[in-house]
C-alpha atoms as a PDB file:
ATOM      1  CA  MET A   1     -57.897   2.800  14.521  1.00  0.00           C
ATOM      2  CA  ARG A   2     -57.572   2.361  10.783  1.00  0.00           C
ATOM      3  CA  GLY A   3     -55.726   5.709  10.570  1.00  0.00           C
ATOM      4  CA  ASP A   4     -53.238   4.582  13.205  1.00  0.00           C
ATOM      5  CA  ALA A   5     -52.706   1.315  11.345  1.00  0.00           C
ATOM      6  CA  ALA A   6     -51.994   3.219   8.132  1.00  0.00           C
ATOM      7  CA  ARG A   7     -49.514   5.531   9.850  1.00  0.00           C
ATOM      8  CA  ARG A   8     -47.465   2.685  11.342  1.00  0.00           C
ATOM      9  CA  PRO A   9     -46.125   1.343   8.003  1.00  0.00           C
ATOM     10  CA  ALA A  10     -45.264   4.890   6.933  1.00  0.00           C
ATOM     11  CA  ARG A  11     -43.342   5.497  10.156  1.00  0.00           C
ATOM     12  CA  SER A  12     -41.633   2.126   9.800  1.00  0.00           C
ATOM     13  CA  TRP A  13     -40.473   2.990   6.296  1.00  0.00           C
ATOM     14  CA  ARG A  14     -39.235   6.412   7.427  1.00  0.00           C
ATOM     15  CA  ARG A  15     -37.203   4.796  10.185  1.00  0.00           C
ATOM     16  CA  ARG A  16     -35.673   2.334   7.741  1.00  0.00           C
ATOM     17  CA  LEU A  17     -34.814   5.033   5.230  1.00  0.00           C
ATOM     18  CA  ALA A  18     -33.498   7.539   7.775  1.00  0.00           C
ATOM     19  CA  PRO A  19     -29.946   6.048   7.945  1.00  0.00           C
ATOM     20  CA  TYR A  20     -29.687   6.158   4.151  1.00  0.00           C
ATOM     21  CA  GLY A  21     -30.726   9.795   4.223  1.00  0.00           C
ATOM     22  CA  PHE A  22     -27.801  10.592   6.504  1.00  0.00           C
ATOM     23  CA  LEU A  23     -25.457   8.646   4.219  1.00  0.00           C
ATOM     24  CA  LEU A  24     -26.728  10.291   1.040  1.00  0.00           C
ATOM     25  CA  PRO A  25     -24.584  13.508   1.176  1.00  0.00           C
ATOM     26  CA  ALA A  26     -21.408  11.507   1.736  1.00  0.00           C
ATOM     27  CA  PHE A  27     -22.355   9.074  -1.019  1.00  0.00           C
ATOM     28  CA  VAL A  28     -22.998  11.942  -3.449  1.00  0.00           C
ATOM     29  CA  LEU A  29     -19.529  13.365  -2.763  1.00  0.00           C
ATOM     30  CA  TYR A  30     -18.023   9.880  -3.014  1.00  0.00           C
ATOM     31  CA  GLY A  31     -19.718   9.344  -6.349  1.00  0.00           C
ATOM     32  CA  MET A  32     -18.727  12.738  -7.753  1.00  0.00           C
ATOM     33  CA  PHE A  33     -15.049  12.517  -6.875  1.00  0.00           C
ATOM     34  CA  LEU A  34     -14.399   8.768  -7.137  1.00  0.00           C
ATOM     35  CA  LEU A  35     -17.054   6.754  -8.947  1.00  0.00           C
ATOM     36  CA  VAL A  36     -17.590   9.227 -11.792  1.00  0.00           C
ATOM     37  CA  PRO A  37     -13.828   9.505 -12.589  1.00  0.00           C
ATOM     38  CA  ILE A  38     -13.522   5.714 -12.503  1.00  0.00           C
ATOM     39  CA  LEU A  39     -16.423   5.320 -14.913  1.00  0.00           C
ATOM     40  CA  ARG A  40     -14.940   8.014 -17.152  1.00  0.00           C
ATOM     41  CA  ALA A  41     -11.563   6.252 -17.138  1.00  0.00           C
ATOM     42  CA  ALA A  42     -13.278   2.961 -17.984  1.00  0.00           C
ATOM     43  CA  GLN A  43     -14.969   4.682 -20.917  1.00  0.00           C
ATOM     44  CA  LEU A  44     -11.699   6.189 -22.169  1.00  0.00           C
ATOM     45  CA  SER A  45      -9.985   2.805 -21.929  1.00  0.00           C
ATOM     46  CA  LEU A  46     -12.197   1.586 -24.773  1.00  0.00           C
ATOM     47  CA  PHE A  47     -10.849   4.237 -27.161  1.00  0.00           C
ATOM     48  CA  GLU A  48      -7.598   5.002 -28.907  1.00  0.00           C
ATOM     49  CA  TRP A  49      -7.255   8.685 -28.025  1.00  0.00           C
ATOM     50  CA  ASP A  50      -4.349  11.119 -27.769  1.00  0.00           C
ATOM     51  CA  GLY A  51      -6.229  13.609 -25.609  1.00  0.00           C
ATOM     52  CA  LEU A  52      -6.619  16.155 -28.416  1.00  0.00           C
ATOM     53  CA  THR A  53      -8.129  14.713 -31.572  1.00  0.00           C
ATOM     54  CA  LEU A  54     -11.261  12.612 -31.993  1.00  0.00           C
ATOM     55  CA  GLY A  55     -10.915   9.186 -30.397  1.00  0.00           C
ATOM     56  CA  THR A  56     -11.402   5.863 -32.155  1.00  0.00           C
ATOM     57  CA  PHE A  57     -13.389   3.084 -30.486  1.00  0.00           C
ATOM     58  CA  VAL A  58     -11.196  -0.035 -30.148  1.00  0.00           C
ATOM     59  CA  GLY A  59     -13.176  -2.069 -27.636  1.00  0.00           C
ATOM     60  CA  LEU A  60     -10.993  -4.285 -25.450  1.00  0.00           C
ATOM     61  CA  ASP A  61      -7.865  -3.903 -27.589  1.00  0.00           C
ATOM     62  CA  ASN A  62      -6.183  -1.718 -24.968  1.00  0.00           C
ATOM     63  CA  TYR A  63      -6.740  -4.386 -22.317  1.00  0.00           C
ATOM     64  CA  ALA A  64      -5.337  -7.028 -24.650  1.00  0.00           C
ATOM     65  CA  ALA A  65      -2.270  -4.828 -25.070  1.00  0.00           C
ATOM     66  CA  VAL A  66      -1.871  -4.639 -21.268  1.00  0.00           C
ATOM     67  CA  VAL A  67      -1.471  -8.418 -21.256  1.00  0.00           C
ATOM     68  CA  THR A  68       0.676  -8.731 -24.372  1.00  0.00           C
ATOM     69  CA  ASP A  69       2.952  -5.673 -24.064  1.00  0.00           C
ATOM     70  CA  PRO A  70       6.265  -6.884 -22.545  1.00  0.00           C
ATOM     71  CA  ARG A  71       6.971  -3.501 -20.932  1.00  0.00           C
ATOM     72  CA  LEU A  72       3.586  -3.463 -19.190  1.00  0.00           C
ATOM     73  CA  ARG A  73       3.931  -7.062 -18.039  1.00  0.00           C
ATOM     74  CA  GLU A  74       7.316  -6.149 -16.621  1.00  0.00           C
ATOM     75  CA  ALA A  75       5.816  -3.114 -14.870  1.00  0.00           C
ATOM     76  CA  PHE A  76       3.139  -5.217 -13.160  1.00  0.00           C
ATOM     77  CA  GLY A  77       5.815  -7.736 -12.163  1.00  0.00           C
ATOM     78  CA  HIS A  78       7.844  -4.944 -10.565  1.00  0.00           C
ATOM     79  CA  ALA A  79       4.747  -3.810  -8.658  1.00  0.00           C
ATOM     80  CA  LEU A  80       4.322  -7.303  -7.215  1.00  0.00           C
ATOM     81  CA  VAL A  81       7.982  -7.300  -6.174  1.00  0.00           C
ATOM     82  CA  LEU A  82       7.406  -3.982  -4.400  1.00  0.00           C
ATOM     83  CA  VAL A  83       4.544  -5.610  -2.462  1.00  0.00           C
ATOM     84  CA  VAL A  84       7.201  -7.722  -0.736  1.00  0.00           C
ATOM     85  CA  PHE A  85       9.174  -4.620   0.280  1.00  0.00           C
ATOM     86  CA  PHE A  86       6.244  -2.311   1.055  1.00  0.00           C
ATOM     87  CA  SER A  87       4.011  -4.866   2.770  1.00  0.00           C
ATOM     88  CA  LEU A  88       5.370  -8.291   3.702  1.00  0.00           C
ATOM     89  CA  LEU A  89       8.738  -7.166   5.072  1.00  0.00           C
ATOM     90  CA  PRO A  90       7.286  -4.228   7.082  1.00  0.00           C
ATOM     91  CA  VAL A  91       4.638  -6.510   8.602  1.00  0.00           C
ATOM     92  CA  ALA A  92       7.272  -9.081   9.623  1.00  0.00           C
ATOM     93  CA  ILE A  93       9.682  -6.463  10.991  1.00  0.00           C
ATOM     94  CA  GLY A  94       6.896  -4.407  12.569  1.00  0.00           C
ATOM     95  CA  LEU A  95       5.498  -7.474  14.332  1.00  0.00           C
ATOM     96  CA  LEU A  96       8.859  -8.290  15.899  1.00  0.00           C
ATOM     97  CA  LEU A  97       9.572  -4.667  16.787  1.00  0.00           C
ATOM     98  CA  ALA A  98       6.125  -4.132  18.303  1.00  0.00           C
ATOM     99  CA  ALA A  99       6.415  -7.388  20.275  1.00  0.00           C
ATOM    100  CA  VAL A 100       9.793  -6.332  21.691  1.00  0.00           C
ATOM    101  CA  LEU A 101       8.532  -2.860  22.642  1.00  0.00           C
ATOM    102  CA  ASN A 102       5.346  -4.280  24.152  1.00  0.00           C
ATOM    103  CA  ARG A 103       7.034  -7.121  26.038  1.00  0.00           C
ATOM    104  CA  GLY A 104       9.830  -4.930  27.353  1.00  0.00           C
ATOM    105  CA  ARG A 105       7.430  -2.231  28.592  1.00  0.00           C
ATOM    106  CA  VAL A 106       9.856   0.360  27.268  1.00  0.00           C
ATOM    107  CA  ARG A 107       9.818   3.675  29.088  1.00  0.00           C
ATOM    108  CA  GLY A 108       8.957   6.610  26.864  1.00  0.00           C
ATOM    109  CA  LEU A 109       6.942   4.401  24.491  1.00  0.00           C
ATOM    110  CA  PRO A 110       4.978   7.383  23.079  1.00  0.00           C
ATOM    111  CA  PHE A 111       8.297   8.946  22.004  1.00  0.00           C
ATOM    112  CA  PHE A 112       9.361   5.729  20.243  1.00  0.00           C
ATOM    113  CA  ARG A 113       5.985   5.499  18.524  1.00  0.00           C
ATOM    114  CA  THR A 114       6.370   9.055  17.264  1.00  0.00           C
ATOM    115  CA  VAL A 115       9.883   8.447  15.946  1.00  0.00           C
ATOM    116  CA  ILE A 116       8.904   5.186  14.267  1.00  0.00           C
ATOM    117  CA  PHE A 117       5.820   6.748  12.682  1.00  0.00           C
ATOM    118  CA  LEU A 118       7.718   9.827  11.430  1.00  0.00           C
ATOM    119  CA  PRO A 119       8.353   8.523   7.865  1.00  0.00           C
ATOM    120  CA  GLN A 120       4.575   8.425   7.337  1.00  0.00           C
ATOM    121  CA  VAL A 121       4.349  12.139   8.095  1.00  0.00           C
ATOM    122  CA  VAL A 122       7.082  13.223   5.665  1.00  0.00           C
ATOM    123  CA  ALA A 123       5.971  13.779   2.070  1.00  0.00           C
ATOM    124  CA  MET A 124       7.060  10.959  -0.238  1.00  0.00           C
ATOM    125  CA  VAL A 125       8.788  13.412  -2.566  1.00  0.00           C
ATOM    126  CA  VAL A 126      10.961  14.599   0.325  1.00  0.00           C
ATOM    127  CA  VAL A 127      11.685  10.991   1.283  1.00  0.00           C
ATOM    128  CA  ALA A 128      12.642  10.186  -2.313  1.00  0.00           C
ATOM    129  CA  VAL A 129      15.007  13.160  -2.584  1.00  0.00           C
ATOM    130  CA  ALA A 130      16.695  12.269   0.717  1.00  0.00           C
ATOM    131  CA  TRP A 131      17.187   8.632  -0.230  1.00  0.00           C
ATOM    132  CA  ARG A 132      18.434   9.588  -3.676  1.00  0.00           C
ATOM    133  CA  GLN A 133      21.235  11.437  -1.923  1.00  0.00           C
ATOM    134  CA  ILE A 134      21.909   8.411   0.287  1.00  0.00           C
ATOM    135  CA  TYR A 135      22.098   6.089  -2.726  1.00  0.00           C
ATOM    136  CA  ALA A 136      24.236   8.459  -4.833  1.00  0.00           C
ATOM    137  CA  PRO A 137      27.694   7.189  -5.930  1.00  0.00           C
ATOM    138  CA  ASP A 138      29.256   9.639  -3.449  1.00  0.00           C
ATOM    139  CA  GLY A 139      26.378   9.321  -0.968  1.00  0.00           C
ATOM    140  CA  TRP A 140      26.254   8.219   2.646  1.00  0.00           C
ATOM    141  CA  LEU A 141      25.686   4.519   1.921  1.00  0.00           C
ATOM    142  CA  ASN A 142      28.768   4.130  -0.262  1.00  0.00           C
ATOM    143  CA  ASP A 143      30.804   6.254   2.141  1.00  0.00           C
ATOM    144  CA  ALA A 144      29.775   3.972   4.995  1.00  0.00           C
ATOM    145  CA  LEU A 145      30.733   0.866   3.006  1.00  0.00           C
ATOM    146  CA  ARG A 146      34.139   2.334   2.212  1.00  0.00           C
ATOM    147  CA  GLY A 147      34.567   3.317   5.854  1.00  0.00           C
ATOM    148  CA  VAL A 148      34.172  -0.291   7.049  1.00  0.00           C
ATOM    149  CA  GLY A 149      36.379  -1.726   4.340  1.00  0.00           C
ATOM    150  CA  LEU A 150      33.621  -2.902   1.996  1.00  0.00           C
ATOM    151  CA  GLY A 151      34.464  -0.606  -0.873  1.00  0.00           C
ATOM    152  CA  SER A 152      34.009  -3.456  -3.345  1.00  0.00           C
ATOM    153  CA  LEU A 153      30.266  -3.395  -2.615  1.00  0.00           C
ATOM    154  CA  THR A 154      29.815   0.255  -3.559  1.00  0.00           C
ATOM    155  CA  ARG A 155      27.805   0.987  -6.684  1.00  0.00           C
ATOM    156  CA  PRO A 156      25.388   3.560  -8.118  1.00  0.00           C
ATOM    157  CA  TRP A 157      22.447   1.870  -6.428  1.00  0.00           C
ATOM    158  CA  LEU A 158      19.686   3.644  -8.341  1.00  0.00           C
ATOM    159  CA  GLY A 159      21.559   3.294 -11.637  1.00  0.00           C
ATOM    160  CA  ASP A 160      22.246  -0.429 -11.349  1.00  0.00           C
ATOM    161  CA  PHE A 161      20.018  -2.732 -13.406  1.00  0.00           C
ATOM    162  CA  THR A 162      20.121  -5.434 -10.723  1.00  0.00           C
ATOM    163  CA  TYR A 163      19.891  -3.427  -7.511  1.00  0.00           C
ATOM    164  CA  SER A 164      17.759  -0.418  -8.485  1.00  0.00           C
ATOM    165  CA  LEU A 165      14.392  -2.108  -7.806  1.00  0.00           C
ATOM    166  CA  PRO A 166      15.443  -3.551  -4.410  1.00  0.00           C
ATOM    167  CA  ALA A 167      16.893  -0.121  -3.566  1.00  0.00           C
ATOM    168  CA  VAL A 168      13.543   1.550  -4.271  1.00  0.00           C
ATOM    169  CA  GLY A 169      11.773  -1.224  -2.364  1.00  0.00           C
ATOM    170  CA  THR A 170      14.003  -0.675   0.671  1.00  0.00           C
ATOM    171  CA  ILE A 171      12.743   2.912   0.841  1.00  0.00           C
ATOM    172  CA  GLY A 172       9.205   1.543   0.877  1.00  0.00           C
ATOM    173  CA  THR A 173      10.109  -0.810   3.724  1.00  0.00           C
ATOM    174  CA  TRP A 174      11.471   2.113   5.740  1.00  0.00           C
ATOM    175  CA  VAL A 175       8.353   4.200   5.111  1.00  0.00           C
ATOM    176  CA  SER A 176       5.794   1.462   5.810  1.00  0.00           C
ATOM    177  CA  MET A 177       7.472  -0.056   8.856  1.00  0.00           C
ATOM    178  CA  GLY A 178       6.424   2.766  11.201  1.00  0.00           C
ATOM    179  CA  LEU A 179       2.755   2.581  10.252  1.00  0.00           C
ATOM    180  CA  VAL A 180       2.689  -1.183  10.689  1.00  0.00           C
ATOM    181  CA  THR A 181       4.502  -1.034  14.053  1.00  0.00           C
ATOM    182  CA  VAL A 182       2.125   1.578  15.475  1.00  0.00           C
ATOM    183  CA  LEU A 183      -0.922  -0.404  14.309  1.00  0.00           C
ATOM    184  CA  LEU A 184       0.375  -3.604  15.875  1.00  0.00           C
ATOM    185  CA  LEU A 185       1.348  -1.834  19.107  1.00  0.00           C
ATOM    186  CA  ALA A 186      -2.210  -0.555  19.362  1.00  0.00           C
ATOM    187  CA  GLY A 187      -3.508  -4.099  18.932  1.00  0.00           C
ATOM    188  CA  MET A 188      -1.084  -5.557  21.461  1.00  0.00           C
ATOM    189  CA  SER A 189      -2.037  -2.954  24.072  1.00  0.00           C
ATOM    190  CA  ARG A 190      -5.528  -4.540  24.173  1.00  0.00           C
ATOM    191  CA  VAL A 191      -4.206  -7.973  25.139  1.00  0.00           C
ATOM    192  CA  PRO A 192      -4.752  -8.577  28.888  1.00  0.00           C
ATOM    193  CA  THR A 193      -1.469  -8.788  30.790  1.00  0.00           C
ATOM    194  CA  GLU A 194      -2.902 -11.756  32.699  1.00  0.00           C
ATOM    195  CA  LEU A 195      -2.551 -13.894  29.580  1.00  0.00           C
ATOM    196  CA  TYR A 196       1.170 -13.190  29.374  1.00  0.00           C
ATOM    197  CA  GLU A 197       1.621 -13.752  33.098  1.00  0.00           C
ATOM    198  CA  ALA A 198      -0.174 -17.087  32.908  1.00  0.00           C
ATOM    199  CA  ALA A 199       1.937 -18.117  29.908  1.00  0.00           C
ATOM    200  CA  ARG A 200       5.155 -17.217  31.743  1.00  0.00           C
ATOM    201  CA  LEU A 201       4.054 -19.245  34.770  1.00  0.00           C
ATOM    202  CA  ASP A 202       3.597 -22.197  32.433  1.00  0.00           C
ATOM    203  CA  GLY A 203       7.173 -21.712  31.207  1.00  0.00           C
ATOM    204  CA  ALA A 204       6.419 -20.060  27.860  1.00  0.00           C
ATOM    205  CA  GLY A 205       9.252 -18.029  26.373  1.00  0.00           C
ATOM    206  CA  ALA A 206       9.136 -14.931  24.215  1.00  0.00           C
ATOM    207  CA  VAL A 207       8.688 -16.877  20.960  1.00  0.00           C
ATOM    208  CA  ARG A 208       5.885 -19.011  22.403  1.00  0.00           C
ATOM    209  CA  GLU A 209       4.100 -15.882  23.694  1.00  0.00           C
ATOM    210  CA  LEU A 210       4.388 -14.277  20.267  1.00  0.00           C
ATOM    211  CA  VAL A 211       2.963 -17.284  18.431  1.00  0.00           C
ATOM    212  CA  ALA A 212       0.286 -18.386  20.909  1.00  0.00           C
ATOM    213  CA  ILE A 213      -0.963 -15.059  22.318  1.00  0.00           C
ATOM    214  CA  THR A 214       0.233 -11.985  20.446  1.00  0.00           C
ATOM    215  CA  LEU A 215      -0.179 -13.139  16.853  1.00  0.00           C
ATOM    216  CA  PRO A 216      -3.810 -14.338  17.204  1.00  0.00           C
ATOM    217  CA  ALA A 217      -4.710 -11.145  19.087  1.00  0.00           C
ATOM    218  CA  VAL A 218      -3.476  -8.792  16.355  1.00  0.00           C
ATOM    219  CA  ARG A 219      -4.753 -10.603  13.259  1.00  0.00           C
ATOM    220  CA  ALA A 220      -7.252  -7.821  12.582  1.00  0.00           C
ATOM    221  CA  GLU A 221      -4.470  -5.215  12.775  1.00  0.00           C
ATOM    222  CA  ILE A 222      -2.273  -7.331  10.497  1.00  0.00           C
ATOM    223  CA  THR A 223      -5.115  -7.446   7.951  1.00  0.00           C
ATOM    224  CA  VAL A 224      -5.466  -3.653   8.068  1.00  0.00           C
ATOM    225  CA  ALA A 225      -1.699  -3.201   7.772  1.00  0.00           C
ATOM    226  CA  LEU A 226      -1.495  -5.547   4.795  1.00  0.00           C
ATOM    227  CA  THR A 227      -4.398  -3.778   3.085  1.00  0.00           C
ATOM    228  CA  LEU A 228      -2.886  -0.305   3.472  1.00  0.00           C
ATOM    229  CA  THR A 229       0.652  -1.295   2.532  1.00  0.00           C
ATOM    230  CA  ILE A 230      -0.378  -3.401  -0.487  1.00  0.00           C
ATOM    231  CA  ILE A 231      -2.341  -0.445  -1.832  1.00  0.00           C
ATOM    232  CA  ALA A 232       0.687   1.806  -1.259  1.00  0.00           C
ATOM    233  CA  ALA A 233       2.975  -0.666  -3.051  1.00  0.00           C
ATOM    234  CA  LEU A 234       0.803  -1.142  -6.120  1.00  0.00           C
ATOM    235  CA  LYS A 235      -0.057   2.524  -6.652  1.00  0.00           C
ATOM    236  CA  THR A 236       3.392   3.984  -5.918  1.00  0.00           C
ATOM    237  CA  PHE A 237       4.369   6.651  -8.418  1.00  0.00           C
ATOM    238  CA  ASP A 238       6.103   9.626  -6.822  1.00  0.00           C
ATOM    239  CA  LEU A 239       8.853   7.505  -5.267  1.00  0.00           C
ATOM    240  CA  VAL A 240       9.757   5.920  -8.621  1.00  0.00           C
ATOM    241  CA  TYR A 241       9.362   9.185 -10.530  1.00  0.00           C
ATOM    242  CA  VAL A 242      11.757  11.121  -8.264  1.00  0.00           C
ATOM    243  CA  THR A 243      14.363   8.420  -7.615  1.00  0.00           C
ATOM    244  CA  THR A 244      14.770   6.578 -10.917  1.00  0.00           C
ATOM    245  CA  GLY A 245      12.195   7.789 -13.440  1.00  0.00           C
ATOM    246  CA  GLY A 246      11.509   4.130 -14.206  1.00  0.00           C
ATOM    247  CA  GLY A 247      15.125   3.432 -15.070  1.00  0.00           C
ATOM    248  CA  PRO A 248      17.758   2.408 -15.654  1.00  0.00           C
ATOM    249  CA  GLY A 249      16.086   1.180 -18.810  1.00  0.00           C
ATOM    250  CA  THR A 250      12.791  -0.267 -17.588  1.00  0.00           C
ATOM    251  CA  SER A 251      14.152  -1.922 -14.448  1.00  0.00           C
ATOM    252  CA  THR A 252      12.000   0.094 -12.012  1.00  0.00           C
ATOM    253  CA  THR A 253       8.997   1.022 -14.124  1.00  0.00           C
ATOM    254  CA  VAL A 254       5.657   0.329 -12.429  1.00  0.00           C
ATOM    255  CA  PRO A 255       2.023   0.539 -13.625  1.00  0.00           C
ATOM    256  CA  SER A 256       1.385   3.982 -12.109  1.00  0.00           C
ATOM    257  CA  TYR A 257       4.465   5.353 -13.836  1.00  0.00           C
ATOM    258  CA  GLU A 258       3.323   3.767 -17.106  1.00  0.00           C
ATOM    259  CA  VAL A 259      -0.039   5.532 -16.756  1.00  0.00           C
ATOM    260  CA  TYR A 260       1.795   8.871 -16.497  1.00  0.00           C
ATOM    261  CA  ARG A 261       4.229   8.044 -19.286  1.00  0.00           C
ATOM    262  CA  ARG A 262       1.620   6.895 -21.781  1.00  0.00           C
ATOM    263  CA  ALA A 263      -0.883   9.657 -21.024  1.00  0.00           C
ATOM    264  CA  PHE A 264       1.445  12.679 -20.799  1.00  0.00           C
ATOM    265  CA  GLN A 265       4.559  11.678 -22.748  1.00  0.00           C
ATOM    266  CA  LEU A 266       3.293   9.358 -25.490  1.00  0.00           C
ATOM    267  CA  GLY A 267      -0.243  10.745 -25.840  1.00  0.00           C
ATOM    268  CA  GLU A 268      -1.844   7.310 -25.425  1.00  0.00           C
ATOM    269  CA  VAL A 269      -4.656   8.356 -23.100  1.00  0.00           C
ATOM    270  CA  GLY A 270      -6.871   5.359 -23.818  1.00  0.00           C
ATOM    271  CA  MET A 271      -4.028   2.943 -23.164  1.00  0.00           C
ATOM    272  CA  ALA A 272      -3.123   4.777 -19.965  1.00  0.00           C
ATOM    273  CA  ALA A 273      -6.731   4.503 -18.792  1.00  0.00           C
ATOM    274  CA  ALA A 274      -6.707   0.757 -19.494  1.00  0.00           C
ATOM    275  CA  VAL A 275      -3.535   0.343 -17.418  1.00  0.00           C
ATOM    276  CA  GLY A 276      -5.114   2.336 -14.591  1.00  0.00           C
ATOM    277  CA  ILE A 277      -8.322   0.282 -14.613  1.00  0.00           C
ATOM    278  CA  THR A 278      -6.329  -2.962 -14.708  1.00  0.00           C
ATOM    279  CA  LEU A 279      -4.262  -1.778 -11.748  1.00  0.00           C
ATOM    280  CA  MET A 280      -7.417  -0.866  -9.829  1.00  0.00           C
ATOM    281  CA  VAL A 281      -8.871  -4.336 -10.421  1.00  0.00           C
ATOM    282  CA  LEU A 282      -5.598  -5.959  -9.315  1.00  0.00           C
ATOM    283  CA  ILE A 283      -5.505  -3.902  -6.108  1.00  0.00           C
ATOM    284  CA  PHE A 284      -9.145  -4.760  -5.376  1.00  0.00           C
ATOM    285  CA  ALA A 285      -8.615  -8.485  -6.035  1.00  0.00           C
ATOM    286  CA  ILE A 286      -5.504  -8.801  -3.865  1.00  0.00           C
ATOM    287  CA  ASN A 287      -7.025  -6.888  -0.963  1.00  0.00           C
ATOM    288  CA  LEU A 288     -10.261  -8.865  -1.265  1.00  0.00           C
ATOM    289  CA  VAL A 289      -8.259 -12.065  -0.786  1.00  0.00           C
ATOM    290  CA  VAL A 290      -6.320 -10.543   2.139  1.00  0.00           C
ATOM    291  CA  ASN A 291      -9.481  -9.406   3.900  1.00  0.00           C
ATOM    292  CA  ARG A 292     -11.277 -12.714   3.271  1.00  0.00           C
ATOM    293  CA  VAL A 293      -8.353 -14.619   4.801  1.00  0.00           C
ATOM    294  CA  GLY A 294      -8.181 -12.127   7.681  1.00  0.00           C
ATOM    295  CA  ASP A 295     -11.915 -12.442   8.393  1.00  0.00           C
ATOM    296  CA  ARG A 296     -11.692 -16.234   8.480  1.00  0.00           C
ATOM    297  CA  SER A 297      -8.722 -16.077  10.841  1.00  0.00           C
ATOM    298  CA  THR A 298     -10.537 -13.847  13.337  1.00  0.00           C
ATOM    299  CA  THR A 299     -13.745 -15.905  13.424  1.00  0.00           C
END
């Protein structure tokens, strides 16, 4: 009897530890390819180092420079502007588009989902090259404006100090809109049709259905969409690099581009690491707030 009593705690502990044993291989890979590089970047951010010679420990000076450097402050401001184009606008447009497709019971819905989602499949570099041609002074957009008699509105969109950032952001809206629409369509497909039928019997219109039934039902999907698109907005690099290279001047520079510029062009590896760590913390903080708000809304 005493032997059985001694075996029971051992079995209990094995059962409790078994799930962690299954997770261990994945966690080891996660640590090797994500946590270790992050810790290494955090270490480098405390040094003034050009990547070749011996580094000099500077403590938090690089992080102080992130806050005080006007170019870096401008870059983070541009990233927040891109959040509007990459995240908020796609969620608003995707919600309306998904509601129309779901309410109308459009025939061939899988085809429309595929077409809408297509920008997510195309490599961002390809998207950037295509849109650079569209925005060119002799590109399709200016040709279309001239064709409808709005030649006065034509301009080199990616070379204009005022319109270059919104032009880049519009590309982000186009890319993100498909992902958001497909996510919201998936959420709306789970809403029982009886709810809509009951609302229509009570005289509810399309707007009332959207606000009272559809929107509460897809709050979890909206949270996921906001999380993914905010991350995409704040870490965007290839789109800016291919379309504008951060220009004209510094009008489209973003933190990810500054990491590349300072590490590979200026040889300021420590400073680049500090910018990267600051960006990571900003992404984490914003998405933490989004998910907290989303969790409260769904409870």
